[in-house]
C-alpha atoms as a PDB file:
ATOM      1  CA  UNK A   1     301.104   5.179 261.520  1.00  0.00           C
ATOM      2  CA  UNK A   2     301.472   7.345 258.415  1.00  0.00           C
ATOM      3  CA  UNK A   3     303.964   4.850 256.977  1.00  0.00           C
ATOM      4  CA  UNK A   4     301.525   1.990 257.602  1.00  0.00           C
ATOM      5  CA  UNK A   5     298.677   3.816 255.843  1.00  0.00           C
ATOM      6  CA  UNK A   6     300.970   4.777 252.979  1.00  0.00           C
ATOM      7  CA  UNK A   7     302.096   1.148 252.666  1.00  0.00           C
ATOM      8  CA  UNK A   8     298.500  -0.102 252.586  1.00  0.00           C
ATOM      9  CA  UNK A   9     297.546   2.495 249.959  1.00  0.00           C
ATOM     10  CA  UNK A  10     300.587   1.550 247.865  1.00  0.00           C
ATOM     11  CA  UNK A  11     299.721  -2.155 248.059  1.00  0.00           C
ATOM     12  CA  UNK A  12     296.137  -1.411 246.971  1.00  0.00           C
ATOM     13  CA  UNK A  13     297.282   0.768 244.062  1.00  0.00           C
ATOM     14  CA  UNK A  14     299.977  -1.656 242.899  1.00  0.00           C
ATOM     15  CA  UNK A  15     297.687  -4.631 243.457  1.00  0.00           C
ATOM     16  CA  UNK A  16     295.971  -3.983 240.151  1.00  0.00           C
ATOM     17  CA  UNK A  17     292.377  -4.591 239.208  1.00  0.00           C
ATOM     18  CA  UNK A  18     289.466  -4.790 241.558  1.00  0.00           C
ATOM     19  CA  UNK A  19     285.908  -5.616 240.662  1.00  0.00           C
ATOM     20  CA  UNK A  20     283.090  -3.197 241.382  1.00  0.00           C
ATOM     21  CA  UNK A  21     279.687  -4.695 242.214  1.00  0.00           C
ATOM     22  CA  UNK A  22     277.173  -4.524 239.398  1.00  0.00           C
ATOM     23  CA  UNK A  23     274.415  -2.289 240.755  1.00  0.00           C
ATOM     24  CA  UNK A  24     272.735  -0.651 237.791  1.00  0.00           C
ATOM     25  CA  UNK A  25     269.848   0.858 239.766  1.00  0.00           C
ATOM     26  CA  UNK A  26     271.529   4.263 240.044  1.00  0.00           C
ATOM     27  CA  UNK A  27     273.059   4.381 236.585  1.00  0.00           C
ATOM     28  CA  UNK A  28     271.541   5.942 233.481  1.00  0.00           C
ATOM     29  CA  UNK A  29     273.024   3.637 230.869  1.00  0.00           C
ATOM     30  CA  UNK A  30     272.420   6.115 228.083  1.00  0.00           C
ATOM     31  CA  UNK A  31     274.790   8.716 229.471  1.00  0.00           C
ATOM     32  CA  UNK A  32     277.034   6.759 231.797  1.00  0.00           C
ATOM     33  CA  UNK A  33     280.634   5.974 231.090  1.00  0.00           C
ATOM     34  CA  UNK A  34     279.833   2.349 231.880  1.00  0.00           C
ATOM     35  CA  UNK A  35     277.458   2.179 228.917  1.00  0.00           C
ATOM     36  CA  UNK A  36     279.746   4.090 226.604  1.00  0.00           C
ATOM     37  CA  UNK A  37     282.685   1.830 227.381  1.00  0.00           C
ATOM     38  CA  UNK A  38     280.626  -1.281 226.542  1.00  0.00           C
ATOM     39  CA  UNK A  39     278.852   0.147 223.494  1.00  0.00           C
ATOM     40  CA  UNK A  40     281.493  -1.204 221.124  1.00  0.00           C
ATOM     41  CA  UNK A  41     281.144  -4.707 222.605  1.00  0.00           C
ATOM     42  CA  UNK A  42     277.362  -4.616 222.284  1.00  0.00           C
ATOM     43  CA  UNK A  43     277.526  -3.250 218.729  1.00  0.00           C
ATOM     44  CA  UNK A  44     279.850  -6.083 217.743  1.00  0.00           C
ATOM     45  CA  UNK A  45     277.529  -8.668 219.308  1.00  0.00           C
ATOM     46  CA  UNK A  46     274.437  -7.141 217.653  1.00  0.00           C
ATOM     47  CA  UNK A  47     276.229  -7.178 214.289  1.00  0.00           C
ATOM     48  CA  UNK A  48     277.337 -10.787 214.819  1.00  0.00           C
ATOM     49  CA  UNK A  49     273.885 -11.876 216.002  1.00  0.00           C
ATOM     50  CA  UNK A  50     272.075 -10.482 212.952  1.00  0.00           C
ATOM     51  CA  UNK A  51     274.941 -11.072 210.487  1.00  0.00           C
ATOM     52  CA  UNK A  52     274.775  -7.450 209.423  1.00  0.00           C
ATOM     53  CA  UNK A  53     276.518  -4.235 210.506  1.00  0.00           C
ATOM     54  CA  UNK A  54     273.523  -2.690 212.279  1.00  0.00           C
ATOM     55  CA  UNK A  55     275.913  -0.657 214.396  1.00  0.00           C
ATOM     56  CA  UNK A  56     277.086   1.121 211.231  1.00  0.00           C
ATOM     57  CA  UNK A  57     273.605   2.380 210.294  1.00  0.00           C
ATOM     58  CA  UNK A  58     273.677   6.158 210.807  1.00  0.00           C
ATOM     59  CA  UNK A  59     270.604   6.438 213.072  1.00  0.00           C
ATOM     60  CA  UNK A  60     271.735   9.951 213.969  1.00  0.00           C
ATOM     61  CA  UNK A  61     270.386  11.022 210.565  1.00  0.00           C
ATOM     62  CA  UNK A  62     266.908   9.982 211.669  1.00  0.00           C
ATOM     63  CA  UNK A  63     267.165  11.557 215.126  1.00  0.00           C
ATOM     64  CA  UNK A  64     268.769  14.739 213.749  1.00  0.00           C
ATOM     65  CA  UNK A  65     271.905  14.099 215.764  1.00  0.00           C
ATOM     66  CA  UNK A  66     270.104  13.815 219.102  1.00  0.00           C
ATOM     67  CA  UNK A  67     270.028  10.730 221.284  1.00  0.00           C
ATOM     68  CA  UNK A  68     272.496   8.868 219.136  1.00  0.00           C
ATOM     69  CA  UNK A  69     273.347   6.721 222.140  1.00  0.00           C
ATOM     70  CA  UNK A  70     270.002   7.300 223.750  1.00  0.00           C
ATOM     71  CA  UNK A  71     266.712   5.472 223.895  1.00  0.00           C
ATOM     72  CA  UNK A  72     265.718   6.452 220.354  1.00  0.00           C
ATOM     73  CA  UNK A  73     268.696   4.577 218.971  1.00  0.00           C
ATOM     74  CA  UNK A  74     267.659   0.924 218.559  1.00  0.00           C
ATOM     75  CA  UNK A  75     270.897  -0.731 219.628  1.00  0.00           C
ATOM     76  CA  UNK A  76     270.813   1.416 222.775  1.00  0.00           C
ATOM     77  CA  UNK A  77     267.252   0.291 223.410  1.00  0.00           C
ATOM     78  CA  UNK A  78     268.378  -3.348 223.183  1.00  0.00           C
ATOM     79  CA  UNK A  79     271.344  -2.680 225.470  1.00  0.00           C
ATOM     80  CA  UNK A  80     269.180  -0.837 227.980  1.00  0.00           C
ATOM     81  CA  UNK A  81     266.640  -3.675 228.030  1.00  0.00           C
ATOM     82  CA  UNK A  82     269.347  -6.308 228.509  1.00  0.00           C
ATOM     83  CA  UNK A  83     271.012  -4.375 231.323  1.00  0.00           C
ATOM     84  CA  UNK A  84     267.872  -3.370 233.206  1.00  0.00           C
ATOM     85  CA  UNK A  85     266.451  -6.899 232.996  1.00  0.00           C
ATOM     86  CA  UNK A  86     269.683  -8.133 234.605  1.00  0.00           C
ATOM     87  CA  UNK A  87     270.136 -10.645 231.779  1.00  0.00           C
ATOM     88  CA  UNK A  88     273.512  -9.081 231.017  1.00  0.00           C
ATOM     89  CA  UNK A  89     275.993  -8.201 233.723  1.00  0.00           C
ATOM     90  CA  UNK A  90     278.757  -5.628 233.468  1.00  0.00           C
ATOM     91  CA  UNK A  91     281.980  -5.611 235.453  1.00  0.00           C
ATOM     92  CA  UNK A  92     284.210  -2.597 235.920  1.00  0.00           C
ATOM     93  CA  UNK A  93     287.939  -2.980 236.340  1.00  0.00           C
ATOM     94  CA  UNK A  94     289.806  -0.184 238.046  1.00  0.00           C
ATOM     95  CA  UNK A  95     293.553   0.208 237.604  1.00  0.00           C
ATOM     96  CA  UNK A  96     295.671   2.849 239.296  1.00  0.00           C
ATOM     97  CA  UNK A  97     296.198   5.954 237.178  1.00  0.00           C
ATOM     98  CA  UNK A  98     294.069   4.496 234.383  1.00  0.00           C
ATOM     99  CA  UNK A  99     290.464   5.130 233.367  1.00  0.00           C
ATOM    100  CA  UNK A 100     287.853   2.582 234.419  1.00  0.00           C
ATOM    101  CA  UNK A 101     287.228  -0.187 231.920  1.00  0.00           C
ATOM    102  CA  UNK A 102     283.801  -1.785 231.873  1.00  0.00           C
ATOM    103  CA  UNK A 103     283.165  -4.972 229.997  1.00  0.00           C
ATOM    104  CA  UNK A 104     280.405  -7.531 229.592  1.00  0.00           C
ATOM    105  CA  UNK A 105     280.757 -10.337 232.125  1.00  0.00           C
ATOM    106  CA  UNK A 106     277.861 -12.463 230.823  1.00  0.00           C
ATOM    107  CA  UNK A 107     278.817 -15.270 228.390  1.00  0.00           C
ATOM    108  CA  UNK A 108     278.498 -14.269 224.732  1.00  0.00           C
ATOM    109  CA  UNK A 109     275.772 -16.794 223.860  1.00  0.00           C
ATOM    110  CA  UNK A 110     273.571 -15.478 226.697  1.00  0.00           C
ATOM    111  CA  UNK A 111     274.136 -11.897 225.530  1.00  0.00           C
ATOM    112  CA  UNK A 112     273.158 -12.869 221.977  1.00  0.00           C
ATOM    113  CA  UNK A 113     269.986 -14.548 223.291  1.00  0.00           C
ATOM    114  CA  UNK A 114     269.157 -11.346 225.165  1.00  0.00           C
ATOM    115  CA  UNK A 115     269.788  -9.278 222.023  1.00  0.00           C
ATOM    116  CA  UNK A 116     267.445 -11.472 219.983  1.00  0.00           C
ATOM    117  CA  UNK A 117     264.803 -11.412 222.715  1.00  0.00           C
ATOM    118  CA  UNK A 118     264.818  -7.629 223.119  1.00  0.00           C
ATOM    119  CA  UNK A 119     265.116  -6.903 219.393  1.00  0.00           C
ATOM    120  CA  UNK A 120     261.564  -8.244 219.214  1.00  0.00           C
ATOM    121  CA  UNK A 121     260.349  -5.630 221.727  1.00  0.00           C
ATOM    122  CA  UNK A 122     258.370  -2.710 220.317  1.00  0.00           C
ATOM    123  CA  UNK A 123     260.480   0.252 219.280  1.00  0.00           C
ATOM    124  CA  UNK A 124     259.669   3.326 221.330  1.00  0.00           C
ATOM    125  CA  UNK A 125     257.220   5.940 220.043  1.00  0.00           C
ATOM    126  CA  UNK A 126     259.856   8.696 219.923  1.00  0.00           C
ATOM    127  CA  UNK A 127     261.931   6.672 217.467  1.00  0.00           C
ATOM    128  CA  UNK A 128     258.884   6.071 215.267  1.00  0.00           C
ATOM    129  CA  UNK A 129     257.930   9.758 215.354  1.00  0.00           C
ATOM    130  CA  UNK A 130     261.474  10.688 214.313  1.00  0.00           C
ATOM    131  CA  UNK A 131     261.341   8.141 211.495  1.00  0.00           C
ATOM    132  CA  UNK A 132     257.981   9.433 210.285  1.00  0.00           C
ATOM    133  CA  UNK A 133     259.360  13.003 210.194  1.00  0.00           C
ATOM    134  CA  UNK A 134     262.670  11.927 208.611  1.00  0.00           C
ATOM    135  CA  UNK A 135     262.848  13.637 205.169  1.00  0.00           C
ATOM    136  CA  UNK A 136     264.436  10.601 203.493  1.00  0.00           C
ATOM    137  CA  UNK A 137     261.701   8.322 204.847  1.00  0.00           C
ATOM    138  CA  UNK A 138     259.085  10.714 203.499  1.00  0.00           C
ATOM    139  CA  UNK A 139     260.889  10.827 200.146  1.00  0.00           C
ATOM    140  CA  UNK A 140     260.927   7.038 199.754  1.00  0.00           C
ATOM    141  CA  UNK A 141     257.665   6.212 201.571  1.00  0.00           C
ATOM    142  CA  UNK A 142     256.032   5.124 198.312  1.00  0.00           C
ATOM    143  CA  UNK A 143     258.976   3.036 197.125  1.00  0.00           C
ATOM    144  CA  UNK A 144     257.517  -0.471 196.634  1.00  0.00           C
ATOM    145  CA  UNK A 145     260.348  -2.261 198.445  1.00  0.00           C
ATOM    146  CA  UNK A 146     260.209   0.072 201.451  1.00  0.00           C
ATOM    147  CA  UNK A 147     256.407   0.079 201.470  1.00  0.00           C
ATOM    148  CA  UNK A 148     256.326  -3.748 201.481  1.00  0.00           C
ATOM    149  CA  UNK A 149     258.765  -3.851 204.408  1.00  0.00           C
ATOM    150  CA  UNK A 150     256.889  -1.207 206.424  1.00  0.00           C
ATOM    151  CA  UNK A 151     253.512  -2.858 205.787  1.00  0.00           C
ATOM    152  CA  UNK A 152     254.856  -6.268 206.841  1.00  0.00           C
ATOM    153  CA  UNK A 153     256.434  -4.742 209.968  1.00  0.00           C
ATOM    154  CA  UNK A 154     253.250  -3.059 211.128  1.00  0.00           C
ATOM    155  CA  UNK A 155     250.913  -5.938 210.205  1.00  0.00           C
ATOM    156  CA  UNK A 156     250.864  -7.205 213.799  1.00  0.00           C
ATOM    157  CA  UNK A 157     250.104  -3.746 215.198  1.00  0.00           C
ATOM    158  CA  UNK A 158     253.626  -3.022 216.414  1.00  0.00           C
ATOM    159  CA  UNK A 159     257.050  -2.376 214.964  1.00  0.00           C
ATOM    160  CA  UNK A 160     259.859  -4.207 216.697  1.00  0.00           C
ATOM    161  CA  UNK A 161     263.326  -2.802 217.284  1.00  0.00           C
ATOM    162  CA  UNK A 162     264.752  -5.089 214.591  1.00  0.00           C
ATOM    163  CA  UNK A 163     262.012  -4.175 212.110  1.00  0.00           C
ATOM    164  CA  UNK A 164     262.781  -0.505 212.774  1.00  0.00           C
ATOM    165  CA  UNK A 165     266.475  -1.148 212.112  1.00  0.00           C
ATOM    166  CA  UNK A 166     265.580  -2.918 208.859  1.00  0.00           C
ATOM    167  CA  UNK A 167     263.376  -0.005 207.738  1.00  0.00           C
ATOM    168  CA  UNK A 168     266.073   2.573 208.457  1.00  0.00           C
ATOM    169  CA  UNK A 169     268.624   0.403 206.664  1.00  0.00           C
ATOM    170  CA  UNK A 170     266.427   0.322 203.550  1.00  0.00           C
ATOM    171  CA  UNK A 171     265.911   4.109 203.619  1.00  0.00           C
ATOM    172  CA  UNK A 172     269.662   4.705 203.855  1.00  0.00           C
ATOM    173  CA  UNK A 173     270.332   2.219 201.023  1.00  0.00           C
ATOM    174  CA  UNK A 174     267.716   3.881 198.797  1.00  0.00           C
ATOM    175  CA  UNK A 175     269.324   7.247 199.474  1.00  0.00           C
ATOM    176  CA  UNK A 176     272.763   5.856 198.677  1.00  0.00           C
ATOM    177  CA  UNK A 177     271.508   4.389 195.408  1.00  0.00           C
ATOM    178  CA  UNK A 178     269.959   7.752 194.444  1.00  0.00           C
ATOM    179  CA  UNK A 179     273.227   9.532 195.207  1.00  0.00           C
ATOM    180  CA  UNK A 180     275.122   7.054 193.032  1.00  0.00           C
ATOM    181  CA  UNK A 181     272.698   7.570 190.143  1.00  0.00           C
ATOM    182  CA  UNK A 182     272.997  11.353 190.539  1.00  0.00           C
ATOM    183  CA  UNK A 183     276.797  11.105 190.585  1.00  0.00           C
ATOM    184  CA  UNK A 184     276.826   9.054 187.392  1.00  0.00           C
ATOM    185  CA  UNK A 185     274.440  11.537 185.755  1.00  0.00           C
ATOM    186  CA  UNK A 186     276.642  14.474 186.798  1.00  0.00           C
ATOM    187  CA  UNK A 187     279.741  12.763 185.438  1.00  0.00           C
ATOM    188  CA  UNK A 188     278.023  12.159 182.096  1.00  0.00           C
ATOM    189  CA  UNK A 189     276.950  15.809 181.913  1.00  0.00           C
ATOM    190  CA  UNK A 190     280.512  17.071 182.336  1.00  0.00           C
END
């Protein structure tokens, strides 16, 4: 009997991958390994969808290092919306003696459609409060280019996830330009 059970266990382990049903109801995608293992895939698809490296924007600067992969982070908000709406399905592969690997099962074009759809959702209030308190946002709030973008974003009474990402991108670019100017000034003063 023990040999039979050992044989069955060996066959299961050597057999390779097995799929785990996709039941997201008990999973907090912001802290689960399943979300973290698919974050790179989603970031790549968001970047490809918008033709810009949104995943490279350092949102942690705005959130002071908190909730970088949480609901305040816009790409996470898009991912969460796509997963909880069941428009995007994840599959987990389990291999013996290896960590679980979760990947996106839904076809890429459907995932991109979901990304576009949910990027038009309103950004959450916590993210906006963090942005409002962000020292760099306050510093550049009167910059004409940023002001024009913010005013256009809020004209309809809401700020979408994508509009939020665009605003943060502009703030970071303005900061980078200031740093470059300061560096050139420092070099000249040497």
